[in-house]
Each structure stands twice: as structure tokens, then as C-alpha cells.
Amino acid sequence: MAHTSEASLNDLRDDIESLRRDLMALRHDATGVASGMARRGRAAVRHQADSALDSARHVADQAESVYDEGADYVRRNPAVAVLVAVGVGAIVARLLTSGRR
């Protein structure tokens, strides 16, 4: 009987050692998967940030172009620019004071 329980104990030890090795391999695999996911996540965020920066640069370039065109128009047509400014100012003043009545 002692031989059987010793054999069972050895089998149990072998099973525990096998389970330990399997858990270590699982931990290694899980670490690799998590690292890969983090790497892909960082790459996706970096790509989105680069895309947003490109869009912001494009909008800034367009705004600068519109500003330059407006400045050129005012230089070529100063009288018209002043009349438009006076007209817009009068309309805004009228809108602001009409609510007080």
C-alpha cells in the first residue's frame, strides 16, 4: 500500500510540475499578446495624431490663403473695403440696439 501512495504522490508532483510549466507558458503567451495589442494601439494613435496634425496644417494653410486674398482685396479696393466695413458696422449696431426697445 505504501508503494501505491508513493506512486500517487509522485504522479501528483508530476502533475503539479506540468501545471506549473503550462501556467508559465500561458503567462508568456499572454504577455506577448498584450504587448502586441499595446504596440498596435500605439501605432493607431500615432497614425490618428499624424492625420489630425495634417488636417490642422491644411486648415491653417487655407485660412492663411483666405486672409491673404482679403488683404490683397483691401489693398486694391480700399474705398470699397471701408464702405463695406461701415455697412456691416451699421447693421450690427442696428441689431444690437433693436433688442433694447
Foldseek 3Di string as FASTA:
>chain_A
DVVVVVVVVVVVVVVVVVVVVVVVVVVVVVVVVVVVVVVVVVVVVVVVVVVVVVVVVVVVVVVVVVVVVVVVVCVVPVPVVVVVVVVVVVVVVCVVVVVVD
